[in-house]
Protein backbone atom coordinates (compact mmCIF):
# COMPACT_ATOMS: atom_id res chain seq x y z
CA MET A 1 94.92 112.59 182.00
CA VAL A 2 92.61 113.73 179.34
CA ALA A 3 90.05 117.10 180.66
CA VAL A 4 86.32 116.49 180.07
CA PRO A 5 85.01 118.54 177.73
CA ALA A 6 82.21 121.21 179.19
CA GLY A 7 78.63 119.52 178.98
CA VAL A 8 79.90 115.78 178.17
CA PRO A 9 79.49 112.87 181.26
CA ASP A 10 82.34 111.23 181.67
CA VAL A 11 80.15 108.11 182.22
CA PRO A 12 81.06 104.45 180.33
CA GLY A 13 78.85 104.02 177.93
CA ILE A 14 78.28 107.68 176.27
CA ARG A 15 81.92 109.22 176.97
CA LEU A 16 84.07 107.31 174.10
CA THR A 17 87.63 107.02 175.34
CA ALA A 18 90.82 106.19 173.35
CA THR A 19 91.40 103.73 176.04
CA GLU A 20 88.82 101.68 175.18
CA LEU A 21 89.08 101.64 171.46
CA MET A 22 92.79 100.60 172.04
CA SER A 23 92.32 97.85 174.97
CA LEU A 24 90.28 96.17 171.46
CA ARG A 25 93.75 95.58 169.94
CA ASP A 26 94.64 92.59 172.43
CA GLU A 27 91.16 90.86 171.61
CA ALA A 28 91.97 91.13 167.67
CA ALA A 29 95.64 89.41 168.30
CA ALA A 30 93.99 86.99 170.16
CA ARG A 31 91.34 86.22 167.32
CA MET A 32 94.37 86.01 164.86
CA ARG A 33 96.16 83.36 166.74
CA HIS A 34 93.99 81.64 167.39
CA ARG A 35 91.88 81.35 164.42
CA PRO A 36 92.55 78.20 162.17
CA LEU A 37 93.25 78.97 158.57
CA THR A 38 91.50 75.93 157.58
CA ARG A 39 89.48 72.43 158.54
CA ARG A 40 92.59 70.40 156.78
CA ALA A 41 95.41 69.69 158.72
CA GLY A 42 98.73 70.99 156.83
CA ALA A 43 97.40 74.03 154.64
CA VAL A 44 98.71 77.38 154.62
CA PRO A 45 97.41 80.62 153.18
CA ALA A 46 98.21 81.07 149.46
CA ARG A 47 97.50 84.02 147.00
CA LEU A 48 95.22 83.81 144.18
CA ALA A 49 96.33 83.77 140.77
CA GLY A 50 95.57 87.27 139.13
CA ALA A 51 96.88 90.05 137.45
CA GLY A 52 99.76 91.08 139.62
CA MET A 53 103.38 91.70 138.78
CA ASP A 54 104.64 88.95 141.15
CA LEU A 55 105.16 85.57 139.35
CA ARG A 56 103.08 82.48 140.70
CA GLU A 57 104.04 79.68 137.67
CA ILE A 58 104.68 79.50 134.18
CA ARG A 59 102.12 76.77 132.75
CA ALA A 60 100.61 75.35 129.68
CA TYR A 61 98.21 77.10 127.39
CA VAL A 62 94.57 76.38 128.04
CA ALA A 63 91.05 77.47 125.98
CA GLY A 64 90.39 80.91 127.75
CA ASP A 65 93.61 82.06 129.31
CA ASP A 66 94.94 85.13 128.15
CA PRO A 67 97.24 84.97 125.09
CA ARG A 68 98.80 88.64 126.19
CA ARG A 69 100.63 86.57 129.15
CA MET A 70 102.57 84.01 126.66
CA ASP A 71 106.35 82.90 127.39
CA PRO A 72 107.95 83.24 124.82
CA ALA A 73 110.73 81.59 126.43
CA ALA A 74 109.18 78.70 127.51
CA THR A 75 107.33 78.40 124.43
CA ALA A 76 110.13 77.90 122.25
CA ARG A 77 111.68 75.61 124.85
CA THR A 78 109.08 72.96 124.94
CA GLY A 79 107.82 73.38 121.90
CA GLN A 80 104.13 73.95 123.07
CA PRO A 81 102.83 77.11 123.75
CA HIS A 82 103.12 79.20 127.53
CA ILE A 83 101.56 81.36 129.70
CA ARG A 84 102.84 83.36 132.61
CA SER A 85 100.68 82.79 135.63
CA LEU A 86 100.99 85.74 138.38
CA HIS A 87 99.76 86.69 141.91
CA GLU A 88 96.81 88.75 142.18
CA ASP A 89 97.49 91.63 143.85
CA ARG A 90 95.45 92.90 146.83
CA ASP A 91 95.17 96.03 148.90
CA ASP A 92 94.53 95.11 152.43
CA THR A 93 93.40 98.30 153.11
CA ILE A 94 89.89 99.82 155.32
CA LEU A 95 87.98 102.88 155.57
CA LEU A 96 86.04 103.07 159.15
CA VAL A 97 83.65 105.56 158.45
CA ALA A 98 82.02 107.05 161.99
CA ASP A 99 78.56 108.38 161.88
CA PHE A 100 78.56 110.74 164.94
CA ARG A 101 75.64 112.75 163.82
CA ALA A 102 72.67 113.83 166.66
CA PRO A 103 70.74 110.84 165.86
CA MET A 104 73.12 108.30 166.96
CA LEU A 105 74.19 110.20 170.00
CA TRP A 106 71.74 108.43 172.36
CA GLY A 107 70.34 104.95 173.23
CA THR A 108 68.42 102.76 175.96
CA GLY A 109 71.19 100.21 176.76
CA ALA A 110 74.76 100.29 178.66
CA ALA A 111 75.56 102.43 175.78
CA LEU A 112 75.13 104.93 172.79
CA ARG A 113 74.62 104.25 169.53
CA SER A 114 77.52 106.15 168.61
CA VAL A 115 79.93 105.15 171.48
CA ARG A 116 79.29 101.03 169.94
CA ALA A 117 79.08 102.30 166.55
CA ALA A 118 83.01 103.71 167.32
CA ARG A 119 83.59 100.27 169.00
CA HIS A 120 82.61 98.18 166.24
CA LEU A 121 84.37 100.21 163.44
CA VAL A 122 87.41 99.51 165.78
CA GLN A 123 87.20 96.16 165.94
CA ALA A 124 87.41 95.60 161.94
CA GLY A 125 90.02 97.92 162.06
CA TRP A 126 93.02 96.40 164.70
CA PRO A 127 93.17 92.84 162.73
CA VAL A 128 94.30 95.02 159.48
CA ALA A 129 96.65 96.97 161.19
CA LEU A 130 97.95 94.19 163.01
CA ARG A 131 98.33 92.85 159.21
CA GLY A 132 100.19 95.68 158.12
CA GLY A 133 97.19 97.09 156.17
CA SER A 134 96.07 100.53 155.64
CA VAL A 135 94.06 101.75 158.18
CA ALA A 136 91.62 104.90 157.48
CA ALA A 137 89.01 107.16 158.93
CA LEU A 138 86.07 109.45 158.19
CA MET A 139 84.01 110.82 161.08
CA ILE A 140 80.78 112.63 160.27
CA ALA A 141 79.59 114.44 163.04
CA GLY A 142 79.24 118.57 161.87
CA PRO A 143 79.32 119.96 158.44
CA ARG A 144 83.11 119.40 157.87
CA PRO A 145 83.81 115.82 158.81
CA ALA A 146 87.38 114.53 159.91
CA GLU A 147 89.54 112.57 158.44
CA ILE A 148 92.49 110.26 159.38
CA ALA A 149 94.40 109.12 156.27
CA GLY A 150 95.10 105.52 155.84
CA SER A 151 98.55 104.12 157.53
CA GLY A 152 99.43 100.81 159.18
CA GLY A 153 100.41 99.44 162.83
CA ASP A 154 100.11 100.46 165.91
CA GLY A 155 101.23 103.78 165.79
CA PRO A 156 98.95 105.12 163.20
CA MET A 157 95.98 102.73 164.90
CA ILE A 158 96.49 104.24 168.42
CA SER A 159 96.04 108.05 167.07
CA LEU A 160 93.16 106.71 165.09
CA CYS A 161 91.75 105.55 168.55
CA ALA A 162 92.54 109.28 169.70
CA ALA A 163 90.95 110.72 166.95
CA LEU A 164 87.30 109.04 167.10
CA ALA A 165 87.37 109.88 171.06
CA ARG A 166 88.07 113.28 170.57
CA GLN A 167 85.45 113.68 167.66
CA HIS A 168 82.60 111.95 169.41
CA ASP A 169 83.35 114.52 172.86
CA ALA A 170 82.88 117.12 170.34
CA ALA A 171 79.80 115.74 168.75
CA LEU A 172 78.48 115.31 172.63
CA ALA A 173 79.33 118.93 173.53
CA ALA A 174 77.49 120.46 170.01
CA PRO A 175 75.00 117.71 168.71
CA ALA A 176 74.39 118.19 164.99
CA ASP A 177 71.40 116.87 163.31
CA ASP A 178 71.06 118.86 160.16
CA VAL A 179 74.23 117.28 158.43
CA PRO A 180 73.61 114.60 155.39
CA LEU A 181 75.56 111.64 155.25
CA ALA A 182 76.27 111.86 151.46
CA GLY A 183 78.43 115.15 151.45
CA GLY A 184 81.04 113.72 154.56
CA MET A 185 80.71 110.27 151.96
CA ALA A 186 81.92 111.64 148.98
CA ARG A 187 85.69 112.35 150.91
CA ALA A 188 85.48 108.49 150.86
CA MET A 189 86.18 108.18 147.02
CA ARG A 190 89.81 109.66 147.98
CA LEU A 191 90.27 108.09 151.41
CA SER A 192 89.95 104.44 150.01
CA PRO A 193 91.73 102.94 146.71
CA GLU A 194 89.82 101.66 144.46
CA GLY A 195 89.66 97.61 145.71
CA GLY A 196 89.76 98.79 149.26
CA ARG A 197 87.43 98.17 151.73
CA ILE A 198 85.03 100.44 153.39
CA LEU A 199 82.91 100.12 156.81
CA VAL A 200 80.02 102.34 157.44
CA ALA A 201 78.69 102.29 161.24
CA THR A 202 75.42 104.02 161.34
CA GLY A 203 71.69 103.92 162.45
CA PRO A 204 68.76 102.00 160.78
CA ASP A 205 68.01 104.74 158.31
CA GLY A 206 71.12 106.98 159.06
CA TRP A 207 72.21 105.87 155.34
CA GLN A 208 68.89 106.93 153.82
CA GLY A 209 69.92 110.18 151.39
CA ALA A 210 73.18 108.83 150.45
CA GLU A 211 72.06 105.92 147.84
CA SER A 212 73.84 107.64 145.48
CA VAL A 213 77.45 108.38 146.89
CA LEU A 214 76.91 104.90 148.45
CA ALA A 215 76.14 102.94 144.69
CA ALA A 216 79.08 104.65 143.02
CA LEU A 217 81.23 103.56 146.06
CA ALA A 218 80.15 99.85 146.24
CA ARG A 219 81.08 99.64 142.19
CA ARG A 220 84.55 99.17 142.83
CA ARG A 221 85.08 98.93 146.49
CA VAL A 222 84.01 96.72 148.76
CA LEU A 223 81.44 98.39 150.68
CA THR A 224 79.93 97.15 154.15
CA VAL A 225 77.15 99.48 156.22
CA ALA A 226 76.94 97.85 159.53
CA LEU A 227 73.28 99.47 161.02
CA ILE A 228 73.45 99.84 164.91
CA LEU A 229 70.56 98.25 166.38
CA ASP A 230 69.62 99.52 169.81
CA GLU A 231 67.61 97.14 172.47
CA SER A 232 64.19 99.38 172.08
CA GLU A 233 64.15 98.54 168.46
CA ILE A 234 65.37 94.82 168.80
CA GLN A 235 62.99 94.17 172.18
CA PRO A 236 60.49 97.61 172.63
CA PRO A 237 58.74 97.82 175.72
CA ARG A 238 55.23 96.29 176.23
CA GLY A 239 52.75 98.67 177.17
CA VAL A 240 51.44 102.04 176.29
CA LEU A 241 54.12 104.98 177.10
CA GLY A 242 53.72 108.35 178.22
CA ILE A 243 54.97 110.67 176.73
CA SER A 244 55.52 114.82 177.96
CA GLY A 245 57.45 117.67 176.27
CA GLY A 246 56.68 121.29 176.18
CA GLY A 247 53.58 121.31 178.34
CA HIS A 248 52.18 118.69 176.32
CA SER A 249 51.53 115.05 176.84
CA ARG A 250 50.12 111.80 174.83
CA THR A 251 50.68 107.95 175.37
CA ALA A 252 51.92 105.82 172.43
CA ARG A 253 53.60 102.36 172.14
CA LEU A 254 57.01 101.06 170.57
CA LEU A 255 57.26 98.97 167.61
CA ALA A 256 59.84 97.12 165.93
CA PRO A 257 61.18 98.59 162.63
CA ASP A 258 60.74 96.80 159.84
CA LEU A 259 64.34 96.70 158.59
CA ALA A 260 63.84 94.04 155.70
CA PRO A 261 63.19 96.93 153.15
CA GLY A 262 66.08 99.01 153.93
CA LEU A 263 68.57 96.44 154.19
CA ALA A 264 67.28 94.90 150.26
CA ARG A 265 67.77 98.57 149.16
CA LEU A 266 71.58 98.90 150.41
CA ARG A 267 71.75 95.16 148.85
CA ALA A 268 70.73 96.50 145.75
CA LEU A 269 72.93 99.41 145.73
CA GLY A 270 75.67 96.72 145.44
CA ALA A 271 76.71 97.26 149.57
CA ILE A 272 76.85 94.61 151.92
CA ALA A 273 74.42 95.45 154.64
CA ILE A 274 74.68 94.08 158.18
CA GLU A 275 72.53 94.86 161.77
CA VAL A 276 74.87 94.82 164.61
CA MET A 277 72.82 93.52 167.35
CA PRO A 278 73.63 95.37 170.86
């Protein structure tokens, strides 16, 4: 049994556990078993042509082909120019970036925004691990982000789930609200190889201030920024609300935020911006 840190409520939806993250494995495996490869019967997945090292085919040269790939033997044998077509090399890697800073440690629904962020990340990580790909993690909760180097298979993924749960406990015990995302994201350059995927789970405005590093990452990687939305942002309560604190009180009305400008800005930086609904 894992001890609950002092001050951390052991309540589902507030405390993140490794067990719930590991349970998402079966869900990912089921999706992989039942997902059709294509609508056309009899089709099988194939590797794409590209600039890798493995030979795909030797074929006749056509205008636009790279002459550096000319195959001398086939050209001499047929009397016509032939080139070597190669398979494309693709790294099945993903870096999961969890924003556990103070603005993520709240929620009006069944779970904190940070808990839902971790679940979303792990749901993306398990399929990669089950395919034998590499899954790395970067957890930003304080001035010193925690990281897990990329690896594949069940064992490393289970360790990653446990690390997410530990870091979330630490964030709940000592929330940090003055830590910029950009400082932690700078480590993503080292954890994610060029051509790899990066998935960042943060709040609607959690990415602001990190535009330069996000743009740099998006230039050579597939960067997705998942905005974890709260129920109050989707359907704010109607009517006037009373707010009090520090001996003062006032009334206010909550309005749904306009996310369109932020989504457009992220896409302009080269990122794929998605909204994750409650």
